[in-house]
PDB file of all heavy atoms in Angstrom:
ATOM      1  N   MET A   1     -11.232  15.119  64.848  1.00  0.00           N
ATOM      2  CA  MET A   1      -9.845  14.744  64.955  1.00  0.00           C
ATOM      3  C   MET A   1      -8.960  15.526  63.976  1.00  0.00           C
ATOM      4  O   MET A   1      -7.822  15.893  64.254  1.00  0.00           O
ATOM      5  CB  MET A   1      -9.607  13.221  64.767  1.00  0.00           C
ATOM      6  CG  MET A   1     -10.373  12.359  65.799  1.00  0.00           C
ATOM      7  SD  MET A   1     -10.263  12.866  67.512  1.00  0.00           S
ATOM      8  CE  MET A   1      -8.546  12.720  67.813  1.00  0.00           C
ATOM      9  N   SER A   2      -9.512  15.747  62.737  1.00  0.00           N
ATOM     10  CA  SER A   2      -8.723  16.394  61.724  1.00  0.00           C
ATOM     11  C   SER A   2      -8.917  17.941  61.717  1.00  0.00           C
ATOM     12  O   SER A   2      -8.086  18.651  61.192  1.00  0.00           O
ATOM     13  CB  SER A   2      -9.165  15.883  60.338  1.00  0.00           C
ATOM     14  OG  SER A   2     -10.482  16.280  60.050  1.00  0.00           O
ATOM     15  N   GLY A   3     -10.004  18.415  62.310  1.00  0.00           N
ATOM     16  CA  GLY A   3     -10.249  19.835  62.273  1.00  0.00           C
ATOM     17  C   GLY A   3     -10.776  20.260  60.932  1.00  0.00           C
ATOM     18  O   GLY A   3     -10.814  21.449  60.571  1.00  0.00           O
ATOM     19  N   LYS A   4     -11.203  19.301  60.096  1.00  0.00           N
ATOM     20  CA  LYS A   4     -11.660  19.575  58.736  1.00  0.00           C
ATOM     21  C   LYS A   4     -13.040  18.984  58.546  1.00  0.00           C
ATOM     22  O   LYS A   4     -13.392  17.951  59.109  1.00  0.00           O
ATOM     23  CB  LYS A   4     -10.728  18.955  57.666  1.00  0.00           C
ATOM     24  CG  LYS A   4      -9.266  19.336  57.928  1.00  0.00           C
ATOM     25  CD  LYS A   4      -8.787  20.155  56.789  1.00  0.00           C
ATOM     26  CE  LYS A   4      -7.267  20.347  56.806  1.00  0.00           C
ATOM     27  NZ  LYS A   4      -6.748  21.300  57.676  1.00  0.00           N
ATOM     28  N   ARG A   5     -13.842  19.588  57.662  1.00  0.00           N
ATOM     29  CA  ARG A   5     -15.151  19.070  57.344  1.00  0.00           C
ATOM     30  C   ARG A   5     -15.044  18.087  56.167  1.00  0.00           C
ATOM     31  O   ARG A   5     -14.316  18.356  55.204  1.00  0.00           O
ATOM     32  CB  ARG A   5     -16.126  20.196  57.018  1.00  0.00           C
ATOM     33  CG  ARG A   5     -16.345  21.037  58.249  1.00  0.00           C
ATOM     34  CD  ARG A   5     -17.441  22.051  58.086  1.00  0.00           C
ATOM     35  NE  ARG A   5     -18.651  21.375  57.813  1.00  0.00           N
ATOM     36  CZ  ARG A   5     -19.689  21.991  57.345  1.00  0.00           C
ATOM     37  NH1 ARG A   5     -19.686  23.267  57.071  1.00  0.00           N
ATOM     38  NH2 ARG A   5     -20.816  21.319  57.077  1.00  0.00           N
ATOM     39  N   ASN A   6     -15.818  16.977  56.192  1.00  0.00           N
ATOM     40  CA  ASN A   6     -15.779  16.002  55.152  1.00  0.00           C
ATOM     41  C   ASN A   6     -16.191  16.600  53.788  1.00  0.00           C
ATOM     42  O   ASN A   6     -15.519  16.355  52.809  1.00  0.00           O
ATOM     43  CB  ASN A   6     -16.746  14.853  55.500  1.00  0.00           C
ATOM     44  CG  ASN A   6     -16.635  13.700  54.552  1.00  0.00           C
ATOM     45  OD1 ASN A   6     -15.589  13.402  54.013  1.00  0.00           O
ATOM     46  ND2 ASN A   6     -17.773  13.049  54.302  1.00  0.00           N
ATOM     47  N   ARG A   7     -17.244  17.380  53.756  1.00  0.00           N
ATOM     48  CA  ARG A   7     -17.747  17.863  52.462  1.00  0.00           C
ATOM     49  C   ARG A   7     -16.855  18.950  51.845  1.00  0.00           C
ATOM     50  O   ARG A   7     -16.832  19.144  50.664  1.00  0.00           O
ATOM     51  CB  ARG A   7     -19.147  18.506  52.613  1.00  0.00           C
ATOM     52  CG  ARG A   7     -20.218  17.542  53.093  1.00  0.00           C
ATOM     53  CD  ARG A   7     -21.001  16.850  51.996  1.00  0.00           C
ATOM     54  NE  ARG A   7     -21.250  17.518  50.762  1.00  0.00           N
ATOM     55  CZ  ARG A   7     -22.405  17.848  50.317  1.00  0.00           C
ATOM     56  NH1 ARG A   7     -23.472  17.668  51.009  1.00  0.00           N
ATOM     57  NH2 ARG A   7     -22.548  18.429  49.165  1.00  0.00           N
ATOM     58  N   LYS A   8     -16.054  19.621  52.659  1.00  0.00           N
ATOM     59  CA  LYS A   8     -15.197  20.686  52.153  1.00  0.00           C
ATOM     60  C   LYS A   8     -13.741  20.344  52.177  1.00  0.00           C
ATOM     61  O   LYS A   8     -12.893  21.204  51.980  1.00  0.00           O
ATOM     62  CB  LYS A   8     -15.481  21.983  52.935  1.00  0.00           C
ATOM     63  CG  LYS A   8     -16.853  22.538  52.746  1.00  0.00           C
ATOM     64  CD  LYS A   8     -17.030  23.767  53.497  1.00  0.00           C
ATOM     65  CE  LYS A   8     -18.491  24.292  53.280  1.00  0.00           C
ATOM     66  NZ  LYS A   8     -18.740  25.552  53.936  1.00  0.00           N
ATOM     67  N   PHE A   9     -13.446  19.088  52.417  1.00  0.00           N
ATOM     68  CA  PHE A   9     -12.050  18.669  52.541  1.00  0.00           C
ATOM     69  C   PHE A   9     -11.305  18.774  51.225  1.00  0.00           C
ATOM     70  O   PHE A   9     -11.838  18.372  50.143  1.00  0.00           O
ATOM     71  CB  PHE A   9     -11.986  17.213  53.027  1.00  0.00           C
ATOM     72  CG  PHE A   9     -10.585  16.750  53.230  1.00  0.00           C
ATOM     73  CD1 PHE A   9      -9.828  17.108  54.378  1.00  0.00           C
ATOM     74  CD2 PHE A   9      -9.918  15.951  52.279  1.00  0.00           C
ATOM     75  CE1 PHE A   9      -8.537  16.727  54.539  1.00  0.00           C
ATOM     76  CE2 PHE A   9      -8.637  15.556  52.425  1.00  0.00           C
ATOM     77  CZ  PHE A   9      -7.901  15.907  53.566  1.00  0.00           C
ATOM     78  N   HIS A  10     -10.113  19.314  51.293  1.00  0.00           N
ATOM     79  CA  HIS A  10      -9.218  19.368  50.092  1.00  0.00           C
ATOM     80  C   HIS A  10      -7.784  19.136  50.559  1.00  0.00           C
ATOM     81  O   HIS A  10      -7.382  19.642  51.578  1.00  0.00           O
ATOM     82  CB  HIS A  10      -9.355  20.777  49.460  1.00  0.00           C
ATOM     83  CG  HIS A  10      -8.361  20.910  48.290  1.00  0.00           C
ATOM     84  ND1 HIS A  10      -8.555  20.263  47.100  1.00  0.00           N
ATOM     85  CD2 HIS A  10      -7.241  21.604  48.219  1.00  0.00           C
ATOM     86  CE1 HIS A  10      -7.548  20.592  46.310  1.00  0.00           C
ATOM     87  NE2 HIS A  10      -6.738  21.365  46.974  1.00  0.00           N
ATOM     88  N   HIS A  11      -7.047  18.331  49.796  1.00  0.00           N
ATOM     89  CA  HIS A  11      -5.681  18.073  50.089  1.00  0.00           C
ATOM     90  C   HIS A  11      -4.904  18.305  48.784  1.00  0.00           C
ATOM     91  O   HIS A  11      -5.297  17.957  47.728  1.00  0.00           O
ATOM     92  CB  HIS A  11      -5.524  16.623  50.522  1.00  0.00           C
ATOM     93  CG  HIS A  11      -4.217  16.340  51.187  1.00  0.00           C
ATOM     94  ND1 HIS A  11      -3.107  16.065  50.429  1.00  0.00           N
ATOM     95  CD2 HIS A  11      -3.792  16.376  52.470  1.00  0.00           C
ATOM     96  CE1 HIS A  11      -2.042  15.877  51.257  1.00  0.00           C
ATOM     97  NE2 HIS A  11      -2.472  16.048  52.460  1.00  0.00           N
ATOM     98  N   ALA A  12      -3.734  18.914  48.942  1.00  0.00           N
ATOM     99  CA  ALA A  12      -2.906  19.277  47.798  1.00  0.00           C
ATOM    100  C   ALA A  12      -2.415  18.052  47.021  1.00  0.00           C
ATOM    101  O   ALA A  12      -2.135  18.138  45.821  1.00  0.00           O
ATOM    102  CB  ALA A  12      -1.722  20.161  48.216  1.00  0.00           C
ATOM    103  N   ASP A  13      -2.243  16.905  47.719  1.00  0.00           N
ATOM    104  CA  ASP A  13      -1.588  15.739  47.070  1.00  0.00           C
ATOM    105  C   ASP A  13      -2.606  14.819  46.394  1.00  0.00           C
ATOM    106  O   ASP A  13      -2.166  13.890  45.693  1.00  0.00           O
ATOM    107  CB  ASP A  13      -0.811  14.949  48.115  1.00  0.00           C
ATOM    108  CG  ASP A  13       0.377  15.755  48.643  1.00  0.00           C
ATOM    109  OD1 ASP A  13       0.797  16.725  47.971  1.00  0.00           O
ATOM    110  OD2 ASP A  13       0.839  15.425  49.739  1.00  0.00           O
ATOM    111  N   HIS A  14      -3.929  14.945  46.605  1.00  0.00           N
ATOM    112  CA  HIS A  14      -4.844  14.060  46.002  1.00  0.00           C
ATOM    113  C   HIS A  14      -6.254  14.651  46.047  1.00  0.00           C
ATOM    114  O   HIS A  14      -6.424  15.764  46.628  1.00  0.00           O
ATOM    115  CB  HIS A  14      -4.902  12.690  46.738  1.00  0.00           C
ATOM    116  CG  HIS A  14      -5.150  12.821  48.185  1.00  0.00           C
ATOM    117  ND1 HIS A  14      -6.420  13.156  48.707  1.00  0.00           N
ATOM    118  CD2 HIS A  14      -4.360  12.678  49.287  1.00  0.00           C
ATOM    119  CE1 HIS A  14      -6.326  13.179  50.044  1.00  0.00           C
ATOM    120  NE2 HIS A  14      -5.106  12.916  50.398  1.00  0.00           N
ATOM    121  N   ASP A  15      -7.194  14.023  45.429  1.00  0.00           N
ATOM    122  CA  ASP A  15      -8.563  14.524  45.374  1.00  0.00           C
ATOM    123  C   ASP A  15      -9.559  13.665  46.192  1.00  0.00           C
ATOM    124  O   ASP A  15     -10.706  13.580  45.882  1.00  0.00           O
ATOM    125  CB  ASP A  15      -9.054  14.582  43.920  1.00  0.00           C
ATOM    126  CG  ASP A  15      -8.308  15.640  43.131  1.00  0.00           C
ATOM    127  OD1 ASP A  15      -8.002  16.710  43.735  1.00  0.00           O
ATOM    128  OD2 ASP A  15      -8.011  15.413  41.929  1.00  0.00           O
ATOM    129  N   LEU A  16      -9.054  13.026  47.238  1.00  0.00           N
ATOM    130  CA  LEU A  16      -9.914  12.181  48.099  1.00  0.00           C
ATOM    131  C   LEU A  16     -10.683  13.066  49.058  1.00  0.00           C
ATOM    132  O   LEU A  16     -10.243  14.158  49.421  1.00  0.00           O
ATOM    133  CB  LEU A  16      -9.035  11.191  48.938  1.00  0.00           C
ATOM    134  CG  LEU A  16      -8.276  10.140  48.154  1.00  0.00           C
ATOM    135  CD1 LEU A  16      -7.339   9.435  49.068  1.00  0.00           C
ATOM    136  CD2 LEU A  16      -9.248   9.153  47.483  1.00  0.00           C
ATOM    137  N   ASN A  17     -11.851  12.565  49.468  1.00  0.00           N
ATOM    138  CA  ASN A  17     -12.564  13.292  50.548  1.00  0.00           C
ATOM    139  C   ASN A  17     -11.915  12.943  51.862  1.00  0.00           C
ATOM    140  O   ASN A  17     -10.925  12.222  51.913  1.00  0.00           O
ATOM    141  CB  ASN A  17     -14.059  12.871  50.503  1.00  0.00           C
ATOM    142  CG  ASN A  17     -14.300  11.375  50.773  1.00  0.00           C
ATOM    143  OD1 ASN A  17     -13.414  10.621  51.121  1.00  0.00           O
ATOM    144  ND2 ASN A  17     -15.566  11.010  50.708  1.00  0.00           N
ATOM    145  N   LEU A  18     -12.443  13.488  52.980  1.00  0.00           N
ATOM    146  CA  LEU A  18     -11.845  13.242  54.283  1.00  0.00           C
ATOM    147  C   LEU A  18     -11.783  11.791  54.675  1.00  0.00           C
ATOM    148  O   LEU A  18     -10.756  11.332  55.202  1.00  0.00           O
ATOM    149  CB  LEU A  18     -12.596  14.106  55.369  1.00  0.00           C
ATOM    150  CG  LEU A  18     -12.086  13.872  56.778  1.00  0.00           C
ATOM    151  CD1 LEU A  18     -10.672  14.391  56.939  1.00  0.00           C
ATOM    152  CD2 LEU A  18     -13.018  14.621  57.714  1.00  0.00           C
ATOM    153  N   LEU A  19     -12.848  11.045  54.381  1.00  0.00           N
ATOM    154  CA  LEU A  19     -12.843   9.613  54.719  1.00  0.00           C
ATOM    155  C   LEU A  19     -11.768   8.862  53.933  1.00  0.00           C
ATOM    156  O   LEU A  19     -11.048   8.034  54.542  1.00  0.00           O
ATOM    157  CB  LEU A  19     -14.201   9.007  54.432  1.00  0.00           C
ATOM    158  CG  LEU A  19     -15.425   9.683  55.108  1.00  0.00           C
ATOM    159  CD1 LEU A  19     -16.692   8.865  54.753  1.00  0.00           C
ATOM    160  CD2 LEU A  19     -15.208   9.800  56.570  1.00  0.00           C
ATOM    161  N   GLY A  20     -11.625   9.187  52.661  1.00  0.00           N
ATOM    162  CA  GLY A  20     -10.581   8.531  51.885  1.00  0.00           C
ATOM    163  C   GLY A  20      -9.226   8.896  52.352  1.00  0.00           C
ATOM    164  O   GLY A  20      -8.287   8.060  52.382  1.00  0.00           O
ATOM    165  N   HIS A  21      -9.036  10.158  52.684  1.00  0.00           N
ATOM    166  CA  HIS A  21      -7.771  10.630  53.191  1.00  0.00           C
ATOM    167  C   HIS A  21      -7.384   9.945  54.502  1.00  0.00           C
ATOM    168  O   HIS A  21      -6.238   9.436  54.682  1.00  0.00           O
ATOM    169  CB  HIS A  21      -7.815  12.159  53.380  1.00  0.00           C
ATOM    170  CG  HIS A  21      -6.564  12.754  53.893  1.00  0.00           C
ATOM    171  ND1 HIS A  21      -5.377  12.742  53.239  1.00  0.00           N
ATOM    172  CD2 HIS A  21      -6.324  13.397  55.093  1.00  0.00           C
ATOM    173  CE1 HIS A  21      -4.443  13.356  53.919  1.00  0.00           C
ATOM    174  NE2 HIS A  21      -4.959  13.757  55.078  1.00  0.00           N
ATOM    175  N   ALA A  22      -8.313   9.892  55.446  1.00  0.00           N
ATOM    176  CA  ALA A  22      -8.118   9.258  56.723  1.00  0.00           C
ATOM    177  C   ALA A  22      -7.789   7.758  56.512  1.00  0.00           C
ATOM    178  O   ALA A  22      -6.876   7.208  57.148  1.00  0.00           O
ATOM    179  CB  ALA A  22      -9.316   9.403  57.617  1.00  0.00           C
ATOM    180  N   TRP A  23      -8.503   7.113  55.631  1.00  0.00           N
ATOM    181  CA  TRP A  23      -8.281   5.671  55.327  1.00  0.00           C
ATOM    182  C   TRP A  23      -6.876   5.477  54.800  1.00  0.00           C
ATOM    183  O   TRP A  23      -6.159   4.553  55.193  1.00  0.00           O
ATOM    184  CB  TRP A  23      -9.352   5.196  54.387  1.00  0.00           C
ATOM    185  CG  TRP A  23      -9.127   3.774  53.928  1.00  0.00           C
ATOM    186  CD1 TRP A  23      -8.842   3.350  52.676  1.00  0.00           C
ATOM    187  CD2 TRP A  23      -9.225   2.589  54.727  1.00  0.00           C
ATOM    188  NE1 TRP A  23      -8.737   1.972  52.640  1.00  0.00           N
ATOM    189  CE2 TRP A  23      -8.943   1.470  53.877  1.00  0.00           C
ATOM    190  CE3 TRP A  23      -9.499   2.360  56.052  1.00  0.00           C
ATOM    191  CZ2 TRP A  23      -8.954   0.209  54.350  1.00  0.00           C
ATOM    192  CZ3 TRP A  23      -9.497   1.040  56.531  1.00  0.00           C
ATOM    193  CH2 TRP A  23      -9.229  -0.029  55.683  1.00  0.00           C
ATOM    194  N   GLY A  24      -6.500   6.306  53.820  1.00  0.00           N
ATOM    195  CA  GLY A  24      -5.177   6.177  53.226  1.00  0.00           C
ATOM    196  C   GLY A  24      -4.066   6.363  54.278  1.00  0.00           C
ATOM    197  O   GLY A  24      -3.051   5.616  54.279  1.00  0.00           O
ATOM    198  N   LEU A  25      -4.241   7.339  55.135  1.00  0.00           N
ATOM    199  CA  LEU A  25      -3.236   7.565  56.182  1.00  0.00           C
ATOM    200  C   LEU A  25      -3.144   6.325  57.153  1.00  0.00           C
ATOM    201  O   LEU A  25      -2.086   5.906  57.578  1.00  0.00           O
ATOM    202  CB  LEU A  25      -3.509   8.837  56.960  1.00  0.00           C
ATOM    203  CG  LEU A  25      -3.313  10.121  56.208  1.00  0.00           C
ATOM    204  CD1 LEU A  25      -3.777  11.349  57.054  1.00  0.00           C
ATOM    205  CD2 LEU A  25      -1.836  10.314  55.862  1.00  0.00           C
ATOM    206  N   TRP A  26      -4.373   5.804  57.455  1.00  0.00           N
ATOM    207  CA  TRP A  26      -4.424   4.640  58.351  1.00  0.00           C
ATOM    208  C   TRP A  26      -3.708   3.476  57.741  1.00  0.00           C
ATOM    209  O   TRP A  26      -2.892   2.803  58.381  1.00  0.00           O
ATOM    210  CB  TRP A  26      -5.878   4.296  58.679  1.00  0.00           C
ATOM    211  CG  TRP A  26      -6.050   3.162  59.571  1.00  0.00           C
ATOM    212  CD1 TRP A  26      -6.256   1.818  59.274  1.00  0.00           C
ATOM    213  CD2 TRP A  26      -5.861   3.174  61.011  1.00  0.00           C
ATOM    214  NE1 TRP A  26      -6.285   1.050  60.371  1.00  0.00           N
ATOM    215  CE2 TRP A  26      -6.046   1.861  61.462  1.00  0.00           C
ATOM    216  CE3 TRP A  26      -5.632   4.202  61.907  1.00  0.00           C
ATOM    217  CZ2 TRP A  26      -6.010   1.494  62.806  1.00  0.00           C
ATOM    218  CZ3 TRP A  26      -5.548   3.895  63.259  1.00  0.00           C
ATOM    219  CH2 TRP A  26      -5.736   2.524  63.696  1.00  0.00           C
ATOM    220  N   ILE A  27      -3.998   3.176  56.490  1.00  0.00           N
ATOM    221  CA  ILE A  27      -3.380   2.019  55.786  1.00  0.00           C
ATOM    222  C   ILE A  27      -1.875   2.183  55.710  1.00  0.00           C
ATOM    223  O   ILE A  27      -1.111   1.221  55.844  1.00  0.00           O
ATOM    224  CB  ILE A  27      -3.990   1.832  54.390  1.00  0.00           C
ATOM    225  CG1 ILE A  27      -5.446   1.447  54.481  1.00  0.00           C
ATOM    226  CG2 ILE A  27      -3.212   0.902  53.531  1.00  0.00           C
ATOM    227  CD1 ILE A  27      -5.652   0.139  55.171  1.00  0.00           C
ATOM    228  N   ASP A  28      -1.398   3.441  55.509  1.00  0.00           N
ATOM    229  CA  ASP A  28       0.028   3.686  55.367  1.00  0.00           C
ATOM    230  C   ASP A  28       0.719   3.801  56.730  1.00  0.00           C
ATOM    231  O   ASP A  28       1.945   4.082  56.795  1.00  0.00           O
ATOM    232  CB  ASP A  28       0.258   5.000  54.610  1.00  0.00           C
ATOM    233  CG  ASP A  28      -0.155   4.838  53.141  1.00  0.00           C
ATOM    234  OD1 ASP A  28      -0.273   3.709  52.638  1.00  0.00           O
ATOM    235  OD2 ASP A  28      -0.294   5.884  52.465  1.00  0.00           O
ATOM    236  N   GLY A  29      -0.008   3.634  57.838  1.00  0.00           N
ATOM    237  CA  GLY A  29       0.544   3.756  59.172  1.00  0.00           C
ATOM    238  C   GLY A  29       0.933   5.181  59.549  1.00  0.00           C
ATOM    239  O   GLY A  29       1.775   5.465  60.373  1.00  0.00           O
ATOM    240  N   LYS A  30       0.230   6.151  58.916  1.00  0.00           N
ATOM    241  CA  LYS A  30       0.496   7.553  59.201  1.00  0.00           C
ATOM    242  C   LYS A  30      -0.758   8.284  59.747  1.00  0.00           C
ATOM    243  O   LYS A  30      -0.938   9.503  59.491  1.00  0.00           O
ATOM    244  CB  LYS A  30       0.923   8.231  57.876  1.00  0.00           C
ATOM    245  CG  LYS A  30       2.168   7.680  57.225  1.00  0.00           C
ATOM    246  CD  LYS A  30       2.438   8.337  55.946  1.00  0.00           C
ATOM    247  CE  LYS A  30       3.625   7.759  55.254  1.00  0.00           C
ATOM    248  NZ  LYS A  30       3.874   8.396  53.929  1.00  0.00           N
ATOM    249  N   ALA A  31      -1.576   7.587  60.491  1.00  0.00           N
ATOM    250  CA  ALA A  31      -2.848   8.207  61.017  1.00  0.00           C
ATOM    251  C   ALA A  31      -2.588   9.477  61.821  1.00  0.00           C
ATOM    252  O   ALA A  31      -3.434  10.367  61.855  1.00  0.00           O
ATOM    253  CB  ALA A  31      -3.582   7.184  61.817  1.00  0.00           C
ATOM    254  N   SER A  32      -1.416   9.587  62.436  1.00  0.00           N
ATOM    255  CA  SER A  32      -1.132  10.763  63.246  1.00  0.00           C
ATOM    256  C   SER A  32      -1.069  12.046  62.381  1.00  0.00           C
ATOM    257  O   SER A  32      -1.283  13.135  62.874  1.00  0.00           O
ATOM    258  CB  SER A  32       0.197  10.609  64.017  1.00  0.00           C
ATOM    259  OG  SER A  32       1.266  10.448  63.078  1.00  0.00           O
ATOM    260  N   GLU A  33      -0.890  11.898  61.049  1.00  0.00           N
ATOM    261  CA  GLU A  33      -0.847  13.058  60.193  1.00  0.00           C
ATOM    262  C   GLU A  33      -2.258  13.639  59.982  1.00  0.00           C
ATOM    263  O   GLU A  33      -2.392  14.741  59.455  1.00  0.00           O
ATOM    264  CB  GLU A  33      -0.257  12.670  58.827  1.00  0.00           C
ATOM    265  CG  GLU A  33       1.220  12.356  58.871  1.00  0.00           C
ATOM    266  CD  GLU A  33       1.798  11.992  57.528  1.00  0.00           C
ATOM    267  OE1 GLU A  33       1.195  12.290  56.465  1.00  0.00           O
ATOM    268  OE2 GLU A  33       2.863  11.317  57.525  1.00  0.00           O
ATOM    269  N   LEU A  34      -3.307  12.937  60.385  1.00  0.00           N
ATOM    270  CA  LEU A  34      -4.650  13.426  60.269  1.00  0.00           C
ATOM    271  C   LEU A  34      -4.991  14.451  61.305  1.00  0.00           C
ATOM    272  O   LEU A  34      -5.847  15.285  61.134  1.00  0.00           O
ATOM    273  CB  LEU A  34      -5.624  12.251  60.338  1.00  0.00           C
ATOM    274  CG  LEU A  34      -7.109  12.569  60.173  1.00  0.00           C
ATOM    275  CD1 LEU A  34      -7.412  13.005  58.725  1.00  0.00           C
ATOM    276  CD2 LEU A  34      -8.019  11.407  60.535  1.00  0.00           C
ATOM    277  N   ILE A  35      -4.268  14.406  62.394  1.00  0.00           N
ATOM    278  CA  ILE A  35      -4.603  15.215  63.580  1.00  0.00           C
ATOM    279  C   ILE A  35      -4.551  16.737  63.305  1.00  0.00           C
ATOM    280  O   ILE A  35      -3.580  17.221  62.694  1.00  0.00           O
ATOM    281  CB  ILE A  35      -3.669  14.825  64.733  1.00  0.00           C
ATOM    282  CG1 ILE A  35      -3.818  13.380  65.083  1.00  0.00           C
ATOM    283  CG2 ILE A  35      -3.991  15.718  65.976  1.00  0.00           C
ATOM    284  CD1 ILE A  35      -2.743  12.841  65.957  1.00  0.00           C
ATOM    285  N   ASP A  36      -5.587  17.400  63.758  1.00  0.00           N
ATOM    286  CA  ASP A  36      -5.608  18.865  63.679  1.00  0.00           C
ATOM    287  C   ASP A  36      -4.411  19.397  64.447  1.00  0.00           C
ATOM    288  O   ASP A  36      -4.194  19.078  65.623  1.00  0.00           O
ATOM    289  CB  ASP A  36      -6.930  19.367  64.334  1.00  0.00           C
ATOM    290  CG  ASP A  36      -7.110  20.865  64.293  1.00  0.00           C
ATOM    291  OD1 ASP A  36      -6.125  21.583  63.945  1.00  0.00           O
ATOM    292  OD2 ASP A  36      -8.183  21.315  64.570  1.00  0.00           O
ATOM    293  N   PRO A  37      -3.562  20.252  63.820  1.00  0.00           N
ATOM    294  CA  PRO A  37      -2.426  20.795  64.494  1.00  0.00           C
ATOM    295  C   PRO A  37      -2.744  21.539  65.804  1.00  0.00           C
ATOM    296  O   PRO A  37      -1.908  21.599  66.726  1.00  0.00           O
ATOM    297  CB  PRO A  37      -1.829  21.783  63.475  1.00  0.00           C
ATOM    298  CG  PRO A  37      -2.336  21.315  62.177  1.00  0.00           C
ATOM    299  CD  PRO A  37      -3.667  20.678  62.447  1.00  0.00           C
ATOM    300  N   MET A  38      -3.973  22.035  65.912  1.00  0.00           N
ATOM    301  CA  MET A  38      -4.400  22.717  67.154  1.00  0.00           C
ATOM    302  C   MET A  38      -4.530  21.711  68.302  1.00  0.00           C
ATOM    303  O   MET A  38      -4.496  22.148  69.432  1.00  0.00           O
ATOM    304  CB  MET A  38      -5.721  23.448  66.915  1.00  0.00           C
ATOM    305  CG  MET A  38      -5.690  24.484  65.855  1.00  0.00           C
ATOM    306  SD  MET A  38      -4.687  25.926  66.328  1.00  0.00           S
ATOM    307  CE  MET A  38      -5.812  26.662  67.489  1.00  0.00           C
ATOM    308  N   MET A  39      -4.679  20.412  67.998  1.00  0.00           N
ATOM    309  CA  MET A  39      -4.844  19.399  69.047  1.00  0.00           C
ATOM    310  C   MET A  39      -3.533  18.776  69.483  1.00  0.00           C
ATOM    311  O   MET A  39      -3.458  18.150  70.521  1.00  0.00           O
ATOM    312  CB  MET A  39      -5.729  18.270  68.537  1.00  0.00           C
ATOM    313  CG  MET A  39      -7.225  18.657  68.487  1.00  0.00           C
ATOM    314  SD  MET A  39      -8.209  17.269  67.912  1.00  0.00           S
ATOM    315  CE  MET A  39      -7.757  15.901  68.990  1.00  0.00           C
TER     316      MET A  39
END
């Protein structure tokens, strides 16, 4: 869904892995931001 690998995930705003990032977006009601732009 994200187009990113869990082990190599990096985000400029935090140091969470992909699971943590997805969880944070879900809790904040922003899960659509996880989607790979190609999708």
